[in-house]
């Protein structure tokens, strides 16, 4: 469900990429370097024909685009991943700061205005992984939370996709 939410946003951004005018520079923000780069989200484990497969989303985030590559492997340690498909979405970033001074970044697919509850937001957060605190990218949209890490980890699953079933 969580993954489909982000993929739906990606598809909408691709569909509207050529028909929406650019957003004014004064409304956009620059994503800090610590948010940019490659992040991995663990989708989950599925069985197909008696064999277990592990699915990982490899997200590459820049100031101007989000690339999501769907990867899978039969290795429990998530090595030797094989590419399945990718989506590339042009982005505009908006920065919001709450009363406590916490920053969050809202991703807008090609400057399309959405209902504020449906906009994906990014924050960095410390989460426990195997008893140690690790920095994660916290993605939140439509009331759903997902975590991505700098390396593939089999924790904080996003849930398997329906196309494997």
C-alpha atoms as a PDB file:
ATOM      1  CA  UNK A   1       0.000   0.000   0.000  1.00  0.00           C
ATOM      2  CA  UNK A   2       2.725   2.470   0.974  1.00  0.00           C
ATOM      3  CA  UNK A   3       4.798   1.680  -2.073  1.00  0.00           C
ATOM      4  CA  UNK A   4       1.799   1.944  -4.372  1.00  0.00           C
ATOM      5  CA  UNK A   5       1.115   5.410  -2.930  1.00  0.00           C
ATOM      6  CA  UNK A   6       4.587   6.625  -4.006  1.00  0.00           C
ATOM      7  CA  UNK A   7       4.406   4.850  -7.347  1.00  0.00           C
ATOM      8  CA  UNK A   8       1.002   6.442  -7.974  1.00  0.00           C
ATOM      9  CA  UNK A   9       2.515   9.857  -7.349  1.00  0.00           C
ATOM     10  CA  UNK A  10       5.340   8.962  -9.722  1.00  0.00           C
ATOM     11  CA  UNK A  11       2.931   7.949 -12.479  1.00  0.00           C
ATOM     12  CA  UNK A  12       0.899  11.142 -12.037  1.00  0.00           C
ATOM     13  CA  UNK A  13       4.058  13.229 -12.249  1.00  0.00           C
ATOM     14  CA  UNK A  14       5.091  11.497 -15.456  1.00  0.00           C
ATOM     15  CA  UNK A  15       1.671  11.973 -17.011  1.00  0.00           C
ATOM     16  CA  UNK A  16       1.616  15.685 -16.257  1.00  0.00           C
ATOM     17  CA  UNK A  17       5.300  16.417 -16.888  1.00  0.00           C
ATOM     18  CA  UNK A  18       4.808  18.122 -20.228  1.00  0.00           C
ATOM     19  CA  UNK A  19       1.544  19.945 -19.515  1.00  0.00           C
ATOM     20  CA  UNK A  20       2.194  21.824 -16.248  1.00  0.00           C
ATOM     21  CA  UNK A  21       4.056  25.156 -16.208  1.00  0.00           C
ATOM     22  CA  UNK A  22       7.140  25.506 -14.035  1.00  0.00           C
ATOM     23  CA  UNK A  23       6.748  26.706 -10.462  1.00  0.00           C
ATOM     24  CA  UNK A  24       8.118  30.114  -9.434  1.00  0.00           C
ATOM     25  CA  UNK A  25      11.615  29.953  -7.926  1.00  0.00           C
ATOM     26  CA  UNK A  26      10.525  31.804  -4.787  1.00  0.00           C
ATOM     27  CA  UNK A  27       8.199  28.901  -3.853  1.00  0.00           C
ATOM     28  CA  UNK A  28      10.767  26.129  -4.196  1.00  0.00           C
ATOM     29  CA  UNK A  29      13.436  25.093  -1.695  1.00  0.00           C
ATOM     30  CA  UNK A  30      16.727  23.298  -2.007  1.00  0.00           C
ATOM     31  CA  UNK A  31      16.884  19.846  -0.478  1.00  0.00           C
ATOM     32  CA  UNK A  32      19.867  19.567   1.913  1.00  0.00           C
ATOM     33  CA  UNK A  33      22.727  17.354   0.726  1.00  0.00           C
ATOM     34  CA  UNK A  34      22.111  14.966   3.636  1.00  0.00           C
ATOM     35  CA  UNK A  35      18.690  14.104   2.146  1.00  0.00           C
ATOM     36  CA  UNK A  36      19.969  13.656  -1.399  1.00  0.00           C
ATOM     37  CA  UNK A  37      21.514  10.521  -2.799  1.00  0.00           C
ATOM     38  CA  UNK A  38      20.586   6.856  -2.709  1.00  0.00           C
ATOM     39  CA  UNK A  39      18.168   5.417  -0.131  1.00  0.00           C
ATOM     40  CA  UNK A  40      16.814   1.873   0.125  1.00  0.00           C
ATOM     41  CA  UNK A  41      13.374   0.827   1.298  1.00  0.00           C
ATOM     42  CA  UNK A  42      12.669  -2.820   2.101  1.00  0.00           C
ATOM     43  CA  UNK A  43       9.402  -3.831   0.466  1.00  0.00           C
ATOM     44  CA  UNK A  44       9.198  -7.347   1.857  1.00  0.00           C
ATOM     45  CA  UNK A  45       9.585 -11.055   1.274  1.00  0.00           C
ATOM     46  CA  UNK A  46       7.358 -13.053  -1.028  1.00  0.00           C
ATOM     47  CA  UNK A  47       7.285 -16.689  -2.075  1.00  0.00           C
ATOM     48  CA  UNK A  48       6.929 -17.606  -5.701  1.00  0.00           C
ATOM     49  CA  UNK A  49       7.076 -21.188  -6.944  1.00  0.00           C
ATOM     50  CA  UNK A  50       8.407 -22.321  -3.556  1.00  0.00           C
ATOM     51  CA  UNK A  51      11.321 -19.868  -3.513  1.00  0.00           C
ATOM     52  CA  UNK A  52      11.671 -16.749  -1.354  1.00  0.00           C
ATOM     53  CA  UNK A  53      12.387 -13.403  -2.972  1.00  0.00           C
ATOM     54  CA  UNK A  54      13.191 -10.123  -1.253  1.00  0.00           C
ATOM     55  CA  UNK A  55      12.143  -6.843  -2.843  1.00  0.00           C
ATOM     56  CA  UNK A  56      13.946  -3.548  -2.297  1.00  0.00           C
ATOM     57  CA  UNK A  57      13.221  -0.075  -3.676  1.00  0.00           C
ATOM     58  CA  UNK A  58      16.318   1.920  -4.547  1.00  0.00           C
ATOM     59  CA  UNK A  59      15.435   5.616  -4.429  1.00  0.00           C
ATOM     60  CA  UNK A  60      17.755   8.277  -5.799  1.00  0.00           C
ATOM     61  CA  UNK A  61      16.729  11.761  -4.690  1.00  0.00           C
ATOM     62  CA  UNK A  62      18.044  15.046  -6.079  1.00  0.00           C
ATOM     63  CA  UNK A  63      16.733  18.610  -6.020  1.00  0.00           C
ATOM     64  CA  UNK A  64      14.998  18.084  -9.328  1.00  0.00           C
ATOM     65  CA  UNK A  65      13.970  14.422  -9.532  1.00  0.00           C
ATOM     66  CA  UNK A  66      13.096  11.216  -7.739  1.00  0.00           C
ATOM     67  CA  UNK A  67      14.115   7.909  -9.311  1.00  0.00           C
ATOM     68  CA  UNK A  68      12.649   4.714  -7.860  1.00  0.00           C
ATOM     69  CA  UNK A  69      14.162   1.428  -9.069  1.00  0.00           C
ATOM     70  CA  UNK A  70      12.388  -1.761  -8.066  1.00  0.00           C
ATOM     71  CA  UNK A  71      14.990  -4.436  -7.267  1.00  0.00           C
ATOM     72  CA  UNK A  72      14.673  -8.062  -6.160  1.00  0.00           C
ATOM     73  CA  UNK A  73      17.002 -10.801  -4.928  1.00  0.00           C
ATOM     74  CA  UNK A  74      16.808 -14.317  -3.563  1.00  0.00           C
ATOM     75  CA  UNK A  75      19.588 -13.602  -1.028  1.00  0.00           C
ATOM     76  CA  UNK A  76      18.524 -12.926   2.575  1.00  0.00           C
ATOM     77  CA  UNK A  77      21.304 -10.364   3.006  1.00  0.00           C
ATOM     78  CA  UNK A  78      19.847  -8.387   0.042  1.00  0.00           C
ATOM     79  CA  UNK A  79      22.970  -8.669  -2.116  1.00  0.00           C
ATOM     80  CA  UNK A  80      23.051  -9.347  -5.863  1.00  0.00           C
ATOM     81  CA  UNK A  81      19.904  -7.374  -6.537  1.00  0.00           C
ATOM     82  CA  UNK A  82      18.366  -7.538  -9.985  1.00  0.00           C
ATOM     83  CA  UNK A  83      16.591  -4.585 -11.535  1.00  0.00           C
ATOM     84  CA  UNK A  84      12.898  -5.004 -12.357  1.00  0.00           C
ATOM     85  CA  UNK A  85      11.722  -1.512 -13.420  1.00  0.00           C
ATOM     86  CA  UNK A  86      12.273   2.183 -12.673  1.00  0.00           C
ATOM     87  CA  UNK A  87      10.229   5.356 -12.466  1.00  0.00           C
ATOM     88  CA  UNK A  88      11.625   8.872 -12.780  1.00  0.00           C
ATOM     89  CA  UNK A  89       9.587  11.846 -11.551  1.00  0.00           C
ATOM     90  CA  UNK A  90      10.557  15.519 -11.884  1.00  0.00           C
ATOM     91  CA  UNK A  91      10.221  17.230  -8.494  1.00  0.00           C
ATOM     92  CA  UNK A  92       9.838  20.584  -6.844  1.00  0.00           C
ATOM     93  CA  UNK A  93      10.737  20.734  -3.164  1.00  0.00           C
ATOM     94  CA  UNK A  94       8.948  22.876  -0.578  1.00  0.00           C
ATOM     95  CA  UNK A  95      10.325  23.367   2.929  1.00  0.00           C
ATOM     96  CA  UNK A  96       8.041  23.646   5.965  1.00  0.00           C
ATOM     97  CA  UNK A  97       9.132  24.371   9.547  1.00  0.00           C
ATOM     98  CA  UNK A  98       6.787  23.679  12.463  1.00  0.00           C
ATOM     99  CA  UNK A  99       6.588  25.613  15.745  1.00  0.00           C
ATOM    100  CA  UNK A 100       9.271  23.399  17.328  1.00  0.00           C
ATOM    101  CA  UNK A 101      11.687  24.170  14.498  1.00  0.00           C
ATOM    102  CA  UNK A 102      11.535  20.711  12.896  1.00  0.00           C
ATOM    103  CA  UNK A 103      12.020  20.861   9.145  1.00  0.00           C
ATOM    104  CA  UNK A 104      10.157  18.727   6.656  1.00  0.00           C
ATOM    105  CA  UNK A 105      10.384  18.735   2.908  1.00  0.00           C
ATOM    106  CA  UNK A 106       7.333  18.278   0.709  1.00  0.00           C
ATOM    107  CA  UNK A 107       7.826  16.666  -2.678  1.00  0.00           C
ATOM    108  CA  UNK A 108       5.627  18.038  -5.436  1.00  0.00           C
ATOM    109  CA  UNK A 109       5.604  16.138  -8.694  1.00  0.00           C
ATOM    110  CA  UNK A 110       6.234  18.714 -11.403  1.00  0.00           C
ATOM    111  CA  UNK A 111       4.617  21.556  -9.412  1.00  0.00           C
ATOM    112  CA  UNK A 112       1.187  19.923  -9.303  1.00  0.00           C
ATOM    113  CA  UNK A 113      -0.829  21.185  -6.332  1.00  0.00           C
ATOM    114  CA  UNK A 114      -2.290  18.345  -4.281  1.00  0.00           C
ATOM    115  CA  UNK A 115      -4.437  18.306  -1.184  1.00  0.00           C
ATOM    116  CA  UNK A 116      -1.907  18.878   1.629  1.00  0.00           C
ATOM    117  CA  UNK A 117      -2.801  15.571   3.314  1.00  0.00           C
ATOM    118  CA  UNK A 118      -1.735  13.638   0.180  1.00  0.00           C
ATOM    119  CA  UNK A 119       1.661  15.322  -0.275  1.00  0.00           C
ATOM    120  CA  UNK A 120       4.650  13.138   0.578  1.00  0.00           C
ATOM    121  CA  UNK A 121       6.960  14.684   3.145  1.00  0.00           C
ATOM    122  CA  UNK A 122      10.545  13.817   4.041  1.00  0.00           C
ATOM    123  CA  UNK A 123      12.297  14.013   7.380  1.00  0.00           C
ATOM    124  CA  UNK A 124      15.404  12.406   8.761  1.00  0.00           C
ATOM    125  CA  UNK A 125      14.803  10.395  11.900  1.00  0.00           C
ATOM    126  CA  UNK A 126      16.799   8.175  14.256  1.00  0.00           C
ATOM    127  CA  UNK A 127      15.287   4.670  14.422  1.00  0.00           C
ATOM    128  CA  UNK A 128      16.456   1.482  16.130  1.00  0.00           C
ATOM    129  CA  UNK A 129      17.818  -1.223  13.863  1.00  0.00           C
ATOM    130  CA  UNK A 130      19.152  -4.326  15.617  1.00  0.00           C
ATOM    131  CA  UNK A 131      19.520  -2.402  18.885  1.00  0.00           C
ATOM    132  CA  UNK A 132      21.468   0.519  17.335  1.00  0.00           C
ATOM    133  CA  UNK A 133      20.164   3.944  16.375  1.00  0.00           C
ATOM    134  CA  UNK A 134      20.416   4.522  12.654  1.00  0.00           C
ATOM    135  CA  UNK A 135      19.513   7.553  10.566  1.00  0.00           C
ATOM    136  CA  UNK A 136      16.545   6.862   8.314  1.00  0.00           C
ATOM    137  CA  UNK A 137      14.647   8.877   5.773  1.00  0.00           C
ATOM    138  CA  UNK A 138      11.097   9.066   7.063  1.00  0.00           C
ATOM    139  CA  UNK A 139       8.578   9.293   4.230  1.00  0.00           C
ATOM    140  CA  UNK A 140       5.005  10.175   5.172  1.00  0.00           C
ATOM    141  CA  UNK A 141       2.032  10.498   2.850  1.00  0.00           C
ATOM    142  CA  UNK A 142      -1.708  10.068   3.322  1.00  0.00           C
ATOM    143  CA  UNK A 143      -1.174   9.051   6.948  1.00  0.00           C
ATOM    144  CA  UNK A 144       1.208   6.208   6.049  1.00  0.00           C
ATOM    145  CA  UNK A 145       4.826   6.019   7.234  1.00  0.00           C
ATOM    146  CA  UNK A 146       7.758   4.390   5.435  1.00  0.00           C
ATOM    147  CA  UNK A 147      11.464   4.349   6.254  1.00  0.00           C
ATOM    148  CA  UNK A 148      14.416   4.214   3.876  1.00  0.00           C
ATOM    149  CA  UNK A 149      18.070   3.657   4.765  1.00  0.00           C
ATOM    150  CA  UNK A 150      21.418   4.319   3.095  1.00  0.00           C
ATOM    151  CA  UNK A 151      21.966   0.579   2.682  1.00  0.00           C
ATOM    152  CA  UNK A 152      19.454  -2.222   2.103  1.00  0.00           C
ATOM    153  CA  UNK A 153      18.169  -3.520   5.455  1.00  0.00           C
ATOM    154  CA  UNK A 154      15.475  -6.126   6.123  1.00  0.00           C
ATOM    155  CA  UNK A 155      13.688  -3.959   8.657  1.00  0.00           C
ATOM    156  CA  UNK A 156      10.723  -1.566   8.508  1.00  0.00           C
ATOM    157  CA  UNK A 157       9.013  -3.368   5.612  1.00  0.00           C
ATOM    158  CA  UNK A 158       6.788  -1.384   3.239  1.00  0.00           C
ATOM    159  CA  UNK A 159       4.742  -4.503   2.406  1.00  0.00           C
ATOM    160  CA  UNK A 160       4.947  -6.754  -0.672  1.00  0.00           C
ATOM    161  CA  UNK A 161       3.487  -5.724  -4.017  1.00  0.00           C
ATOM    162  CA  UNK A 162       0.435  -7.436  -5.407  1.00  0.00           C
ATOM    163  CA  UNK A 163       2.066  -8.301  -8.759  1.00  0.00           C
ATOM    164  CA  UNK A 164       4.079 -11.085  -7.111  1.00  0.00           C
ATOM    165  CA  UNK A 165       0.924 -12.930  -6.025  1.00  0.00           C
END
